[in-house]
Amino acid sequence: MHAGSIPAEASTGSRVGAGMPGRWTTAQLASITGLEGMTADFSIQRTKMVDGQLRTTDVTNVPLLDAMHQIPREEFVPARRKSLAYIDEDIEVAPGRYIMEPSPFAKLVQLAGLTKADFVLDIGCTTGYSAAVLSQLCDSVVALESDAELAAMASQTLPRLGHDNVAVVEGPLTEGWPRQAPYDAILIEGAIDHVPEKLFAQLRDGGRLVAIVGRGNAARATLYLKQGGAISHRTHFNAAVRPLADFARAPAFQF
């Protein structure tokens, strides 16, 4: 855990592949579009992201659109890839770890139905962009990251940009963060094979968990609801995003 970052200590008093067919890699897109190394007007790119990637894919939540229009996504991207901050692809920020593509991320957040009273657990926050967006939509956020360097970047960038209702914590993603539970909502930032039961246990009654379950184009954004201790779920839209290896099912033994 990063010192001084647990919600109880917050100063605000808050609760704190290559080729075709398939998806282009970030490097290929940079080469094709000529964006690599280009000095960009990020405010213009941010507007284009909202208008061209979000509004056109049924993201209609006004506070969410406003948050993604205001938050400088480039501040959460490694220096060598800042010119790609607003591309409509997942952006690698560490080996095997990505900031989710803007459209599926926004649609997943919209699916969570967040309110200003909500206490949220953001699982797999990487450099903190997702937590920054969430912080504009709810009361407070616990941002969980397993990679020490990514957690350190998030813990530095978020307060520098004024997101002082976010507590960055470090630990295994599949464990959640039970010491601050229960949460009104939990978001998992990447495709997963399954949701561990211990994460459902960290939901408040009436709470929601949203995740993209499955792999590749067959993966589905899923909303889980906890009512009276029971969990129900409903699938919503397809979303092909990068998987979180921590949530991969162990291969079943076969004779």
Protein backbone atom coordinates (compact mmCIF):
# COMPACT_ATOMS: atom_id res chain seq x y z
CA MET A 1 0.00 0.00 0.00
CA HIS A 2 1.18 3.49 -0.72
CA ALA A 3 1.68 5.58 2.38
CA GLY A 4 -1.07 7.99 3.24
CA SER A 5 -3.34 6.63 0.52
CA ILE A 6 -5.91 4.61 2.45
CA PRO A 7 -9.37 6.20 2.40
CA ALA A 8 -9.48 6.83 6.14
CA GLU A 9 -6.46 9.11 5.81
CA ALA A 10 -7.69 11.11 2.82
CA SER A 11 -7.53 14.83 3.49
CA THR A 12 -11.00 15.35 2.09
CA GLY A 13 -12.58 13.09 4.71
CA SER A 14 -14.04 10.93 1.94
CA ARG A 15 -14.66 7.20 2.49
CA VAL A 16 -12.23 6.74 0.57
CA GLY A 17 -1.93 -9.30 -33.20
CA ALA A 18 -0.15 -8.59 -35.91
CA GLY A 19 -1.55 -8.38 -39.45
CA MET A 20 -5.03 -8.94 -40.77
CA PRO A 21 -7.51 -10.29 -39.94
CA GLY A 22 -7.47 -9.22 -36.31
CA ARG A 23 -6.53 -6.13 -34.33
CA TRP A 24 -3.58 -3.93 -35.17
CA THR A 25 -0.91 -3.62 -32.52
CA THR A 26 -0.23 -0.19 -31.05
CA ALA A 27 3.10 -0.06 -32.90
CA GLN A 28 1.44 -0.88 -36.22
CA LEU A 29 -1.21 1.77 -35.70
CA ALA A 30 1.45 4.33 -34.90
CA SER A 31 3.27 3.51 -38.10
CA ILE A 32 0.13 3.51 -40.24
CA THR A 33 -1.28 6.76 -38.86
CA GLY A 34 2.06 8.54 -38.60
CA LEU A 35 1.36 9.48 -34.98
CA GLU A 36 4.58 8.11 -33.49
CA GLY A 37 6.70 10.97 -32.20
CA MET A 38 4.24 13.61 -33.35
CA THR A 39 3.56 16.58 -31.07
CA ALA A 40 -0.19 16.62 -30.63
CA ASP A 41 -2.81 19.07 -29.45
CA PHE A 42 -4.23 16.77 -26.82
CA SER A 43 -7.28 18.91 -26.10
CA ILE A 44 -8.39 18.55 -29.73
CA GLN A 45 -7.72 14.81 -29.63
CA ARG A 46 -9.73 14.55 -26.42
CA THR A 47 -12.72 16.21 -28.08
CA LYS A 48 -12.40 13.90 -31.09
CA MET A 49 -12.26 10.89 -28.76
CA VAL A 50 -15.50 11.90 -27.06
CA ASP A 51 -17.31 12.80 -30.28
CA GLY A 52 -15.93 10.06 -32.50
CA GLN A 53 -15.36 7.10 -30.18
CA LEU A 54 -17.84 7.55 -27.32
CA ARG A 55 -20.94 9.32 -28.59
CA THR A 56 -20.99 7.09 -31.69
CA THR A 57 -21.02 3.91 -29.58
CA ASP A 58 -24.01 4.73 -27.38
CA VAL A 59 -22.16 6.36 -24.50
CA THR A 60 -24.81 8.85 -23.41
CA ASN A 61 -24.09 9.49 -19.72
CA VAL A 62 -23.35 13.22 -19.60
CA PRO A 63 -21.17 13.27 -16.43
CA LEU A 64 -19.11 10.41 -17.88
CA LEU A 65 -18.67 12.19 -21.21
CA ASP A 66 -17.69 15.36 -19.37
CA ALA A 67 -15.15 13.51 -17.23
CA MET A 68 -13.49 11.86 -20.22
CA HIS A 69 -13.47 15.20 -22.04
CA GLN A 70 -11.75 16.93 -19.13
CA ILE A 71 -9.24 14.36 -17.86
CA PRO A 72 -5.88 14.47 -19.68
CA ARG A 73 -5.48 10.83 -20.69
CA GLU A 74 -1.97 11.59 -21.98
CA GLU A 75 -0.82 12.16 -18.40
CA PHE A 76 -1.45 8.48 -17.67
CA VAL A 77 0.46 7.15 -20.69
CA PRO A 78 4.24 6.47 -20.71
CA ALA A 79 6.21 9.28 -22.39
CA ARG A 80 7.14 7.17 -25.40
CA ARG A 81 3.45 6.62 -26.21
CA LYS A 82 1.85 9.94 -25.31
CA SER A 83 1.09 10.62 -28.98
CA LEU A 84 -1.14 7.53 -28.93
CA ALA A 85 -3.11 8.55 -25.84
CA TYR A 86 -6.42 8.99 -27.69
CA ILE A 87 -6.18 6.17 -30.21
CA ASP A 88 -9.11 3.72 -30.29
CA GLU A 89 -7.02 0.78 -29.08
CA ASP A 90 -5.84 -0.59 -25.76
CA ILE A 91 -2.53 1.08 -24.84
CA GLU A 92 0.24 -1.01 -23.29
CA VAL A 93 1.69 0.66 -20.20
CA ALA A 94 3.70 -2.31 -18.88
CA PRO A 95 4.37 -5.81 -20.21
CA GLY A 96 0.97 -7.44 -20.55
CA ARG A 97 -0.89 -4.52 -18.95
CA TYR A 98 -3.05 -2.02 -20.81
CA ILE A 99 -5.22 1.05 -20.41
CA MET A 100 -8.53 -0.07 -21.85
CA GLU A 101 -9.72 1.31 -25.18
CA PRO A 102 -11.92 4.41 -24.55
CA SER A 103 -15.22 3.13 -25.95
CA PRO A 104 -15.53 -0.24 -24.13
CA PHE A 105 -14.18 1.39 -20.98
CA ALA A 106 -16.80 4.14 -21.08
CA LYS A 107 -19.58 1.67 -21.86
CA LEU A 108 -18.51 -0.51 -18.93
CA VAL A 109 -18.51 2.47 -16.56
CA GLN A 110 -21.91 3.55 -17.88
CA LEU A 111 -23.21 0.02 -17.24
CA ALA A 112 -22.21 0.33 -13.57
CA GLY A 113 -24.76 3.13 -13.07
CA LEU A 114 -22.60 5.08 -10.65
CA THR A 115 -23.94 7.84 -8.43
CA LYS A 116 -22.23 10.62 -6.47
CA ALA A 117 -22.84 8.66 -3.26
CA ASP A 118 -21.04 5.49 -4.39
CA PHE A 119 -17.88 4.00 -2.91
CA VAL A 120 -16.07 2.17 -5.73
CA LEU A 121 -13.31 -0.43 -6.05
CA ASP A 122 -11.34 -0.14 -9.32
CA ILE A 123 -9.48 -3.41 -9.94
CA GLY A 124 -6.48 -3.23 -12.26
CA CYS A 125 -6.19 0.56 -12.36
CA THR A 126 -2.70 0.47 -14.03
CA THR A 127 -1.50 4.11 -14.19
CA GLY A 128 -4.71 5.52 -12.69
CA TYR A 129 -6.69 6.81 -15.70
CA SER A 130 -9.72 4.65 -14.95
CA ALA A 131 -9.71 5.76 -11.31
CA ALA A 132 -9.48 9.41 -12.38
CA VAL A 133 -12.64 9.02 -14.47
CA LEU A 134 -14.45 7.16 -11.70
CA SER A 135 -13.46 9.80 -9.15
CA GLN A 136 -15.53 12.36 -11.06
CA LEU A 137 -18.64 10.18 -10.92
CA CYS A 138 -18.74 8.88 -7.34
CA ASP A 139 -17.87 9.75 -3.74
CA SER A 140 -14.54 7.93 -3.48
CA VAL A 141 -12.46 5.23 -5.14
CA VAL A 142 -10.06 2.53 -3.99
CA ALA A 143 -7.77 1.89 -6.97
CA LEU A 144 -6.15 -1.55 -6.75
CA GLU A 145 -3.03 -2.41 -8.77
CA SER A 146 -0.72 -5.44 -8.54
CA ASP A 147 2.24 -3.96 -10.44
CA ALA A 148 4.37 -1.85 -8.07
CA GLU A 149 5.64 0.54 -10.75
CA LEU A 150 2.17 1.16 -12.17
CA ALA A 151 0.77 1.69 -8.66
CA ALA A 152 3.54 4.18 -7.96
CA MET A 153 2.76 6.09 -11.17
CA ALA A 154 -0.95 6.17 -10.29
CA SER A 155 -0.26 7.34 -6.74
CA GLN A 156 1.83 10.23 -8.09
CA THR A 157 -0.33 11.27 -11.05
CA LEU A 158 -3.77 11.21 -9.45
CA PRO A 159 -3.10 13.71 -6.62
CA ARG A 160 -1.05 15.91 -8.97
CA LEU A 161 -4.14 16.26 -11.14
CA GLY A 162 -6.42 16.92 -8.16
CA HIS A 163 -8.08 13.52 -7.79
CA ASP A 164 -7.80 13.48 -4.01
CA ASN A 165 -10.77 11.16 -3.46
CA VAL A 166 -8.79 8.18 -4.82
CA ALA A 167 -6.73 5.83 -2.64
CA VAL A 168 -4.18 3.79 -4.61
CA VAL A 169 -3.41 0.41 -3.02
CA GLU A 170 -1.14 -2.42 -4.12
CA GLY A 171 -2.02 -6.11 -3.98
CA PRO A 172 -3.22 -9.17 -5.92
CA LEU A 173 -6.10 -8.19 -8.21
CA THR A 174 -8.12 -11.35 -7.59
CA GLU A 175 -8.17 -10.64 -3.84
CA GLY A 176 -9.86 -7.26 -4.15
CA TRP A 177 -9.37 -4.97 -1.14
CA PRO A 178 -11.51 -6.41 1.67
CA ARG A 179 -10.25 -4.10 4.44
CA GLN A 180 -12.31 -1.20 3.01
CA ALA A 181 -15.33 -3.28 1.91
CA PRO A 182 -18.21 -3.21 1.34
CA TYR A 183 -18.32 -1.32 -1.96
CA ASP A 184 -21.30 0.03 -3.86
CA ALA A 185 -19.65 -0.88 -7.15
CA ILE A 186 -16.63 -2.84 -8.37
CA LEU A 187 -15.12 -2.48 -11.84
CA ILE A 188 -12.56 -4.87 -13.32
CA GLU A 189 -10.30 -3.21 -15.89
CA GLY A 190 -9.70 -5.97 -18.45
CA ALA A 191 -11.17 -9.15 -19.86
CA ILE A 192 -11.45 -12.02 -17.38
CA ASP A 193 -12.41 -15.69 -17.43
CA HIS A 194 -14.43 -15.55 -14.22
CA VAL A 195 -15.23 -13.43 -11.17
CA PRO A 196 -13.82 -14.83 -7.90
CA GLU A 197 -16.44 -15.30 -5.22
CA LYS A 198 -14.40 -13.21 -2.77
CA LEU A 199 -15.07 -10.14 -4.93
CA PHE A 200 -18.83 -10.64 -4.67
CA ALA A 201 -18.35 -10.88 -0.89
CA GLN A 202 -16.92 -7.34 -0.96
CA LEU A 203 -20.08 -5.88 -2.50
CA ARG A 204 -22.64 -4.07 -0.40
CA ASP A 205 -26.19 -5.44 -0.64
CA GLY A 206 -27.61 -3.70 -3.69
CA GLY A 207 -24.09 -3.33 -5.11
CA ARG A 208 -22.97 -3.88 -8.70
CA LEU A 209 -19.92 -5.45 -10.26
CA VAL A 210 -19.11 -4.93 -13.93
CA ALA A 211 -16.58 -6.93 -15.94
CA ILE A 212 -15.87 -8.10 -19.46
CA VAL A 213 -16.08 -11.87 -19.29
CA GLY A 214 -14.54 -14.07 -21.98
CA ARG A 215 -11.83 -13.71 -24.60
CA GLY A 216 -11.58 -11.92 -27.93
CA ASN A 217 -14.66 -10.92 -29.90
CA ALA A 218 -16.84 -13.34 -27.91
CA ALA A 219 -16.25 -11.52 -24.62
CA ARG A 220 -19.33 -9.90 -23.10
CA ALA A 221 -19.71 -6.98 -20.73
CA THR A 222 -21.58 -8.38 -17.75
CA LEU A 223 -23.42 -6.63 -14.93
CA TYR A 224 -23.66 -8.54 -11.63
CA LEU A 225 -26.15 -7.45 -8.97
CA LYS A 226 -26.15 -8.43 -5.29
CA GLN A 227 -29.58 -8.56 -3.68
CA GLY A 228 -30.29 -10.24 -0.35
CA GLY A 229 -26.88 -11.89 -0.50
CA ALA A 230 -27.64 -13.55 -3.85
CA ILE A 231 -25.82 -12.70 -7.10
CA SER A 232 -27.61 -12.37 -10.42
CA HIS A 233 -26.13 -11.28 -13.71
CA ARG A 234 -27.02 -10.06 -17.18
CA THR A 235 -24.82 -9.76 -20.26
CA HIS A 236 -24.96 -6.60 -22.34
CA PHE A 237 -22.51 -5.90 -25.18
CA ASN A 238 -19.53 -7.53 -26.87
CA ALA A 239 -16.13 -6.02 -26.13
CA ALA A 240 -12.75 -7.33 -27.28
CA VAL A 241 -10.23 -5.94 -24.78
CA ARG A 242 -6.94 -7.21 -23.42
CA PRO A 243 -7.20 -9.93 -20.75
CA LEU A 244 -6.06 -9.69 -17.14
CA ALA A 245 -3.87 -12.77 -16.71
CA ASP A 246 -4.57 -12.86 -12.95
CA PHE A 247 -8.17 -13.89 -13.67
CA ALA A 248 -7.37 -16.73 -16.12
CA ARG A 249 -8.87 -20.08 -15.23
CA ALA A 250 -6.39 -22.84 -14.53
CA PRO A 251 -6.42 -25.47 -17.33
CA ALA A 252 -8.73 -28.34 -16.42
CA PHE A 253 -7.16 -31.79 -16.08
CA GLN A 254 -8.07 -34.09 -18.95
CA PHE A 255 -7.63 -37.84 -19.23
